[in-house]
PDB file of all heavy atoms in Angstrom:
ATOM      1  N   ARG A   1     -23.987 -18.880  40.793  1.00  0.00           N
ATOM      2  CA  ARG A   1     -23.767 -17.567  41.323  1.00  0.00           C
ATOM      3  C   ARG A   1     -24.932 -17.063  42.255  1.00  0.00           C
ATOM      4  O   ARG A   1     -25.014 -15.903  42.598  1.00  0.00           O
ATOM      5  CB  ARG A   1     -23.547 -16.558  40.173  1.00  0.00           C
ATOM      6  CG  ARG A   1     -22.214 -16.861  39.476  1.00  0.00           C
ATOM      7  CD  ARG A   1     -22.146 -16.444  38.032  1.00  0.00           C
ATOM      8  NE  ARG A   1     -20.822 -16.774  37.497  1.00  0.00           N
ATOM      9  CZ  ARG A   1     -20.472 -18.009  37.077  1.00  0.00           C
ATOM     10  NH1 ARG A   1     -21.370 -19.003  37.100  1.00  0.00           N
ATOM     11  NH2 ARG A   1     -19.241 -18.218  36.605  1.00  0.00           N
ATOM     12  N   ALA A   2     -25.805 -17.989  42.632  1.00  0.00           N
ATOM     13  CA  ALA A   2     -27.008 -17.662  43.403  1.00  0.00           C
ATOM     14  C   ALA A   2     -26.746 -17.231  44.839  1.00  0.00           C
ATOM     15  O   ALA A   2     -27.650 -16.756  45.530  1.00  0.00           O
ATOM     16  CB  ALA A   2     -27.982 -18.815  43.330  1.00  0.00           C
ATOM     17  N   SER A   3     -25.499 -17.332  45.305  1.00  0.00           N
ATOM     18  CA  SER A   3     -25.206 -16.829  46.679  1.00  0.00           C
ATOM     19  C   SER A   3     -25.154 -15.337  46.703  1.00  0.00           C
ATOM     20  O   SER A   3     -25.122 -14.716  47.784  1.00  0.00           O
ATOM     21  CB  SER A   3     -23.870 -17.428  47.158  1.00  0.00           C
ATOM     22  OG  SER A   3     -22.816 -17.072  46.294  1.00  0.00           O
ATOM     23  N   ALA A   4     -25.132 -14.627  45.537  1.00  0.00           N
ATOM     24  CA  ALA A   4     -25.226 -13.168  45.559  1.00  0.00           C
ATOM     25  C   ALA A   4     -26.559 -12.788  46.229  1.00  0.00           C
ATOM     26  O   ALA A   4     -27.592 -13.463  46.066  1.00  0.00           O
ATOM     27  CB  ALA A   4     -25.215 -12.656  44.128  1.00  0.00           C
ATOM     28  N   GLY A   5     -26.543 -11.697  46.934  1.00  0.00           N
ATOM     29  CA  GLY A   5     -27.787 -11.220  47.581  1.00  0.00           C
ATOM     30  C   GLY A   5     -28.881 -10.964  46.519  1.00  0.00           C
ATOM     31  O   GLY A   5     -30.046 -11.260  46.737  1.00  0.00           O
ATOM     32  N   LEU A   6     -28.454 -10.410  45.362  1.00  0.00           N
ATOM     33  CA  LEU A   6     -29.379 -10.166  44.297  1.00  0.00           C
ATOM     34  C   LEU A   6     -28.604 -10.338  42.968  1.00  0.00           C
ATOM     35  O   LEU A   6     -27.540  -9.746  42.782  1.00  0.00           O
ATOM     36  CB  LEU A   6     -29.924  -8.752  44.353  1.00  0.00           C
ATOM     37  CG  LEU A   6     -30.953  -8.347  43.285  1.00  0.00           C
ATOM     38  CD1 LEU A   6     -32.221  -9.156  43.424  1.00  0.00           C
ATOM     39  CD2 LEU A   6     -31.228  -6.857  43.317  1.00  0.00           C
ATOM     40  N   ILE A   7     -29.138 -11.162  42.064  1.00  0.00           N
ATOM     41  CA  ILE A   7     -28.603 -11.274  40.691  1.00  0.00           C
ATOM     42  C   ILE A   7     -29.423 -10.344  39.822  1.00  0.00           C
ATOM     43  O   ILE A   7     -30.645 -10.406  39.770  1.00  0.00           O
ATOM     44  CB  ILE A   7     -28.709 -12.717  40.189  1.00  0.00           C
ATOM     45  CG1 ILE A   7     -27.767 -13.590  40.935  1.00  0.00           C
ATOM     46  CG2 ILE A   7     -28.354 -12.757  38.683  1.00  0.00           C
ATOM     47  CD1 ILE A   7     -27.827 -15.102  40.524  1.00  0.00           C
ATOM     48  N   ILE A   8     -28.709  -9.494  39.072  1.00  0.00           N
ATOM     49  CA  ILE A   8     -29.327  -8.707  38.008  1.00  0.00           C
ATOM     50  C   ILE A   8     -28.928  -9.407  36.686  1.00  0.00           C
ATOM     51  O   ILE A   8     -27.752  -9.525  36.387  1.00  0.00           O
ATOM     52  CB  ILE A   8     -28.848  -7.228  38.020  1.00  0.00           C
ATOM     53  CG1 ILE A   8     -29.089  -6.606  39.378  1.00  0.00           C
ATOM     54  CG2 ILE A   8     -29.578  -6.428  36.932  1.00  0.00           C
ATOM     55  CD1 ILE A   8     -28.342  -5.299  39.615  1.00  0.00           C
ATOM     56  N   SER A   9     -29.920  -9.904  35.968  1.00  0.00           N
ATOM     57  CA  SER A   9     -29.615 -10.661  34.779  1.00  0.00           C
ATOM     58  C   SER A   9     -28.836  -9.852  33.784  1.00  0.00           C
ATOM     59  O   SER A   9     -28.838  -8.643  33.799  1.00  0.00           O
ATOM     60  CB  SER A   9     -30.925 -11.188  34.142  1.00  0.00           C
ATOM     61  OG  SER A   9     -31.508 -10.163  33.295  1.00  0.00           O
ATOM     62  N   GLU A  10     -28.173 -10.574  32.835  1.00  0.00           N
ATOM     63  CA  GLU A  10     -27.628  -9.926  31.723  1.00  0.00           C
ATOM     64  C   GLU A  10     -28.659  -9.061  30.991  1.00  0.00           C
ATOM     65  O   GLU A  10     -29.887  -9.368  31.084  1.00  0.00           O
ATOM     66  CB  GLU A  10     -27.055 -10.960  30.749  1.00  0.00           C
ATOM     67  CG  GLU A  10     -28.079 -11.877  30.184  1.00  0.00           C
ATOM     68  CD  GLU A  10     -27.489 -13.210  29.744  1.00  0.00           C
ATOM     69  OE1 GLU A  10     -26.845 -13.284  28.700  1.00  0.00           O
ATOM     70  OE2 GLU A  10     -27.696 -14.182  30.512  1.00  0.00           O
ATOM     71  N   ALA A  11     -28.255  -8.024  30.350  1.00  0.00           N
ATOM     72  CA  ALA A  11     -29.179  -7.183  29.591  1.00  0.00           C
ATOM     73  C   ALA A  11     -30.005  -8.058  28.628  1.00  0.00           C
ATOM     74  O   ALA A  11     -29.443  -8.806  27.870  1.00  0.00           O
ATOM     75  CB  ALA A  11     -28.410  -6.106  28.865  1.00  0.00           C
ATOM     76  N   THR A  12     -31.339  -7.846  28.666  1.00  0.00           N
ATOM     77  CA  THR A  12     -32.251  -8.754  27.961  1.00  0.00           C
ATOM     78  C   THR A  12     -33.155  -7.954  27.063  1.00  0.00           C
ATOM     79  O   THR A  12     -33.880  -7.019  27.540  1.00  0.00           O
ATOM     80  CB  THR A  12     -33.074  -9.541  29.002  1.00  0.00           C
ATOM     81  OG1 THR A  12     -32.120 -10.251  29.852  1.00  0.00           O
ATOM     82  CG2 THR A  12     -33.915 -10.581  28.328  1.00  0.00           C
ATOM     83  N   ASN A  13     -33.164  -8.286  25.762  1.00  0.00           N
ATOM     84  CA  ASN A  13     -33.884  -7.436  24.794  1.00  0.00           C
ATOM     85  C   ASN A  13     -35.353  -7.452  25.011  1.00  0.00           C
ATOM     86  O   ASN A  13     -35.974  -8.535  25.183  1.00  0.00           O
ATOM     87  CB  ASN A  13     -33.554  -7.974  23.384  1.00  0.00           C
ATOM     88  CG  ASN A  13     -32.111  -7.983  23.095  1.00  0.00           C
ATOM     89  OD1 ASN A  13     -31.415  -6.999  23.219  1.00  0.00           O
ATOM     90  ND2 ASN A  13     -31.566  -9.150  22.673  1.00  0.00           N
ATOM     91  N   ILE A  14     -36.004  -6.283  24.920  1.00  0.00           N
ATOM     92  CA  ILE A  14     -37.460  -6.183  25.107  1.00  0.00           C
ATOM     93  C   ILE A  14     -38.198  -6.427  23.786  1.00  0.00           C
ATOM     94  O   ILE A  14     -39.428  -6.569  23.776  1.00  0.00           O
ATOM     95  CB  ILE A  14     -37.860  -4.817  25.651  1.00  0.00           C
ATOM     96  CG1 ILE A  14     -37.511  -3.709  24.650  1.00  0.00           C
ATOM     97  CG2 ILE A  14     -37.206  -4.587  27.005  1.00  0.00           C
ATOM     98  CD1 ILE A  14     -38.284  -2.428  24.898  1.00  0.00           C
ATOM     99  N   SER A  15     -37.440  -6.440  22.635  1.00  0.00           N
ATOM    100  CA  SER A  15     -38.103  -6.591  21.330  1.00  0.00           C
ATOM    101  C   SER A  15     -36.987  -6.906  20.339  1.00  0.00           C
ATOM    102  O   SER A  15     -35.800  -6.730  20.616  1.00  0.00           O
ATOM    103  CB  SER A  15     -38.838  -5.357  20.934  1.00  0.00           C
ATOM    104  OG  SER A  15     -37.907  -4.240  20.753  1.00  0.00           O
ATOM    105  N   ARG A  16     -37.406  -7.318  19.170  1.00  0.00           N
ATOM    106  CA  ARG A  16     -36.413  -7.516  18.084  1.00  0.00           C
ATOM    107  C   ARG A  16     -35.753  -6.182  17.728  1.00  0.00           C
ATOM    108  O   ARG A  16     -34.554  -6.134  17.496  1.00  0.00           O
ATOM    109  CB  ARG A  16     -37.116  -8.121  16.868  1.00  0.00           C
ATOM    110  CG  ARG A  16     -36.280  -8.219  15.565  1.00  0.00           C
ATOM    111  CD  ARG A  16     -35.150  -9.276  15.724  1.00  0.00           C
ATOM    112  NE  ARG A  16     -34.321  -9.323  14.568  1.00  0.00           N
ATOM    113  CZ  ARG A  16     -34.557 -10.072  13.507  1.00  0.00           C
ATOM    114  NH1 ARG A  16     -35.634 -10.888  13.482  1.00  0.00           N
ATOM    115  NH2 ARG A  16     -33.747 -10.050  12.433  1.00  0.00           N
ATOM    116  N   GLN A  17     -36.542  -5.111  17.730  1.00  0.00           N
ATOM    117  CA  GLN A  17     -35.972  -3.821  17.423  1.00  0.00           C
ATOM    118  C   GLN A  17     -34.954  -3.382  18.477  1.00  0.00           C
ATOM    119  O   GLN A  17     -33.989  -2.682  18.181  1.00  0.00           O
ATOM    120  CB  GLN A  17     -37.112  -2.786  17.409  1.00  0.00           C
ATOM    121  CG  GLN A  17     -36.667  -1.392  17.039  1.00  0.00           C
ATOM    122  CD  GLN A  17     -37.746  -0.357  17.367  1.00  0.00           C
ATOM    123  OE1 GLN A  17     -37.974  -0.075  18.538  1.00  0.00           O
ATOM    124  NE2 GLN A  17     -38.366   0.162  16.333  1.00  0.00           N
ATOM    125  N   GLY A  18     -35.120  -3.885  19.706  1.00  0.00           N
ATOM    126  CA  GLY A  18     -34.207  -3.479  20.775  1.00  0.00           C
ATOM    127  C   GLY A  18     -32.876  -4.201  20.765  1.00  0.00           C
ATOM    128  O   GLY A  18     -31.942  -3.868  21.555  1.00  0.00           O
ATOM    129  N   ARG A  19     -32.668  -5.123  19.847  1.00  0.00           N
ATOM    130  CA  ARG A  19     -31.441  -5.939  19.808  1.00  0.00           C
ATOM    131  C   ARG A  19     -30.286  -5.253  19.093  1.00  0.00           C
ATOM    132  O   ARG A  19     -30.502  -4.741  17.994  1.00  0.00           O
ATOM    133  CB  ARG A  19     -31.747  -7.285  19.117  1.00  0.00           C
ATOM    134  CG  ARG A  19     -30.618  -8.295  19.199  1.00  0.00           C
ATOM    135  CD  ARG A  19     -31.047  -9.623  18.650  1.00  0.00           C
ATOM    136  NE  ARG A  19     -31.281  -9.603  17.208  1.00  0.00           N
ATOM    137  CZ  ARG A  19     -30.946 -10.654  16.376  1.00  0.00           C
ATOM    138  NH1 ARG A  19     -30.415 -11.720  16.917  1.00  0.00           N
ATOM    139  NH2 ARG A  19     -31.157 -10.513  15.118  1.00  0.00           N
ATOM    140  N   GLY A  20     -29.125  -5.256  19.695  1.00  0.00           N
ATOM    141  CA  GLY A  20     -27.974  -4.644  19.027  1.00  0.00           C
ATOM    142  C   GLY A  20     -26.756  -5.518  18.948  1.00  0.00           C
ATOM    143  O   GLY A  20     -25.721  -5.147  18.338  1.00  0.00           O
ATOM    144  N   TYR A  21     -26.814  -6.738  19.555  1.00  0.00           N
ATOM    145  CA  TYR A  21     -25.695  -7.656  19.505  1.00  0.00           C
ATOM    146  C   TYR A  21     -26.250  -9.074  19.306  1.00  0.00           C
ATOM    147  O   TYR A  21     -27.243  -9.443  19.921  1.00  0.00           O
ATOM    148  CB  TYR A  21     -24.905  -7.603  20.867  1.00  0.00           C
ATOM    149  CG  TYR A  21     -24.448  -6.222  21.244  1.00  0.00           C
ATOM    150  CD1 TYR A  21     -25.293  -5.362  21.961  1.00  0.00           C
ATOM    151  CD2 TYR A  21     -23.183  -5.788  20.890  1.00  0.00           C
ATOM    152  CE1 TYR A  21     -24.870  -4.124  22.335  1.00  0.00           C
ATOM    153  CE2 TYR A  21     -22.741  -4.540  21.292  1.00  0.00           C
ATOM    154  CZ  TYR A  21     -23.579  -3.671  21.993  1.00  0.00           C
ATOM    155  OH  TYR A  21     -23.149  -2.451  22.348  1.00  0.00           O
ATOM    156  N   ALA A  22     -25.600  -9.806  18.481  1.00  0.00           N
ATOM    157  CA  ALA A  22     -26.054 -11.189  18.221  1.00  0.00           C
ATOM    158  C   ALA A  22     -25.938 -12.034  19.466  1.00  0.00           C
ATOM    159  O   ALA A  22     -25.056 -11.807  20.311  1.00  0.00           O
ATOM    160  CB  ALA A  22     -25.226 -11.810  17.094  1.00  0.00           C
ATOM    161  N   PHE A  23     -26.830 -13.024  19.588  1.00  0.00           N
ATOM    162  CA  PHE A  23     -26.787 -14.086  20.599  1.00  0.00           C
ATOM    163  C   PHE A  23     -27.030 -13.523  22.026  1.00  0.00           C
ATOM    164  O   PHE A  23     -26.613 -14.134  22.993  1.00  0.00           O
ATOM    165  CB  PHE A  23     -25.485 -14.861  20.531  1.00  0.00           C
ATOM    166  CG  PHE A  23     -25.153 -15.301  19.131  1.00  0.00           C
ATOM    167  CD1 PHE A  23     -24.003 -14.848  18.484  1.00  0.00           C
ATOM    168  CD2 PHE A  23     -26.014 -16.117  18.416  1.00  0.00           C
ATOM    169  CE1 PHE A  23     -23.707 -15.233  17.211  1.00  0.00           C
ATOM    170  CE2 PHE A  23     -25.735 -16.509  17.082  1.00  0.00           C
ATOM    171  CZ  PHE A  23     -24.589 -16.048  16.490  1.00  0.00           C
ATOM    172  N   THR A  24     -27.676 -12.354  22.125  1.00  0.00           N
ATOM    173  CA  THR A  24     -28.127 -11.887  23.450  1.00  0.00           C
ATOM    174  C   THR A  24     -29.546 -12.317  23.656  1.00  0.00           C
ATOM    175  O   THR A  24     -30.291 -12.435  22.709  1.00  0.00           O
ATOM    176  CB  THR A  24     -28.007 -10.336  23.507  1.00  0.00           C
ATOM    177  OG1 THR A  24     -28.674  -9.763  22.390  1.00  0.00           O
ATOM    178  CG2 THR A  24     -26.540  -9.932  23.524  1.00  0.00           C
ATOM    179  N   PRO A  25     -29.948 -12.587  24.901  1.00  0.00           N
ATOM    180  CA  PRO A  25     -31.278 -13.167  25.175  1.00  0.00           C
ATOM    181  C   PRO A  25     -32.386 -12.110  25.059  1.00  0.00           C
ATOM    182  O   PRO A  25     -32.177 -10.885  25.212  1.00  0.00           O
ATOM    183  CB  PRO A  25     -31.181 -13.702  26.613  1.00  0.00           C
ATOM    184  CG  PRO A  25     -30.131 -12.783  27.247  1.00  0.00           C
ATOM    185  CD  PRO A  25     -29.192 -12.476  26.126  1.00  0.00           C
ATOM    186  N   GLY A  26     -33.616 -12.603  24.816  1.00  0.00           N
ATOM    187  CA  GLY A  26     -34.798 -11.751  24.776  1.00  0.00           C
ATOM    188  C   GLY A  26     -35.793 -12.138  25.891  1.00  0.00           C
ATOM    189  O   GLY A  26     -35.613 -13.188  26.549  1.00  0.00           O
ATOM    190  N   ILE A  27     -36.780 -11.296  26.048  1.00  0.00           N
ATOM    191  CA  ILE A  27     -37.863 -11.582  27.027  1.00  0.00           C
ATOM    192  C   ILE A  27     -39.169 -11.032  26.452  1.00  0.00           C
ATOM    193  O   ILE A  27     -39.907 -10.349  27.103  1.00  0.00           O
ATOM    194  CB  ILE A  27     -37.521 -11.021  28.416  1.00  0.00           C
ATOM    195  CG1 ILE A  27     -38.512 -11.485  29.458  1.00  0.00           C
ATOM    196  CG2 ILE A  27     -37.394  -9.470  28.398  1.00  0.00           C
ATOM    197  CD1 ILE A  27     -38.499 -12.958  29.760  1.00  0.00           C
ATOM    198  N   TYR A  28     -39.475 -11.409  25.155  1.00  0.00           N
ATOM    199  CA  TYR A  28     -40.691 -10.860  24.536  1.00  0.00           C
ATOM    200  C   TYR A  28     -41.481 -11.939  23.808  1.00  0.00           C
ATOM    201  O   TYR A  28     -42.508 -11.628  23.187  1.00  0.00           O
ATOM    202  CB  TYR A  28     -40.316  -9.712  23.589  1.00  0.00           C
ATOM    203  CG  TYR A  28     -39.272  -9.970  22.538  1.00  0.00           C
ATOM    204  CD1 TYR A  28     -39.655 -10.451  21.278  1.00  0.00           C
ATOM    205  CD2 TYR A  28     -37.944  -9.780  22.799  1.00  0.00           C
ATOM    206  CE1 TYR A  28     -38.674 -10.669  20.263  1.00  0.00           C
ATOM    207  CE2 TYR A  28     -36.984 -10.025  21.832  1.00  0.00           C
ATOM    208  CZ  TYR A  28     -37.342 -10.475  20.588  1.00  0.00           C
ATOM    209  OH  TYR A  28     -36.414 -10.685  19.586  1.00  0.00           O
ATOM    210  N   THR A  29     -41.070 -13.233  23.872  1.00  0.00           N
ATOM    211  CA  THR A  29     -41.828 -14.272  23.214  1.00  0.00           C
ATOM    212  C   THR A  29     -42.050 -15.460  24.197  1.00  0.00           C
ATOM    213  O   THR A  29     -41.401 -15.511  25.257  1.00  0.00           O
ATOM    214  CB  THR A  29     -41.106 -14.832  21.993  1.00  0.00           C
ATOM    215  OG1 THR A  29     -39.913 -15.560  22.391  1.00  0.00           O
ATOM    216  CG2 THR A  29     -40.702 -13.744  21.032  1.00  0.00           C
ATOM    217  N   ASP A  30     -42.963 -16.329  23.842  1.00  0.00           N
ATOM    218  CA  ASP A  30     -43.202 -17.514  24.657  1.00  0.00           C
ATOM    219  C   ASP A  30     -41.897 -18.346  24.784  1.00  0.00           C
ATOM    220  O   ASP A  30     -41.627 -18.917  25.872  1.00  0.00           O
ATOM    221  CB  ASP A  30     -44.267 -18.399  24.027  1.00  0.00           C
ATOM    222  CG  ASP A  30     -45.660 -17.744  24.123  1.00  0.00           C
ATOM    223  OD1 ASP A  30     -45.851 -16.824  24.903  1.00  0.00           O
ATOM    224  OD2 ASP A  30     -46.578 -18.240  23.405  1.00  0.00           O
ATOM    225  N   ALA A  31     -41.132 -18.434  23.711  1.00  0.00           N
ATOM    226  CA  ALA A  31     -39.893 -19.246  23.762  1.00  0.00           C
ATOM    227  C   ALA A  31     -38.900 -18.637  24.693  1.00  0.00           C
ATOM    228  O   ALA A  31     -38.157 -19.364  25.403  1.00  0.00           O
ATOM    229  CB  ALA A  31     -39.313 -19.340  22.361  1.00  0.00           C
TER     230      ALA A  31
END
């Protein structure tokens, strides 16, 4: 889908506390 002028990623959890749905990605650890 990279031909889009701009991709806005799927909503990405900032912390474990910020998570509300299983199997959604995070952006707060090395992994």
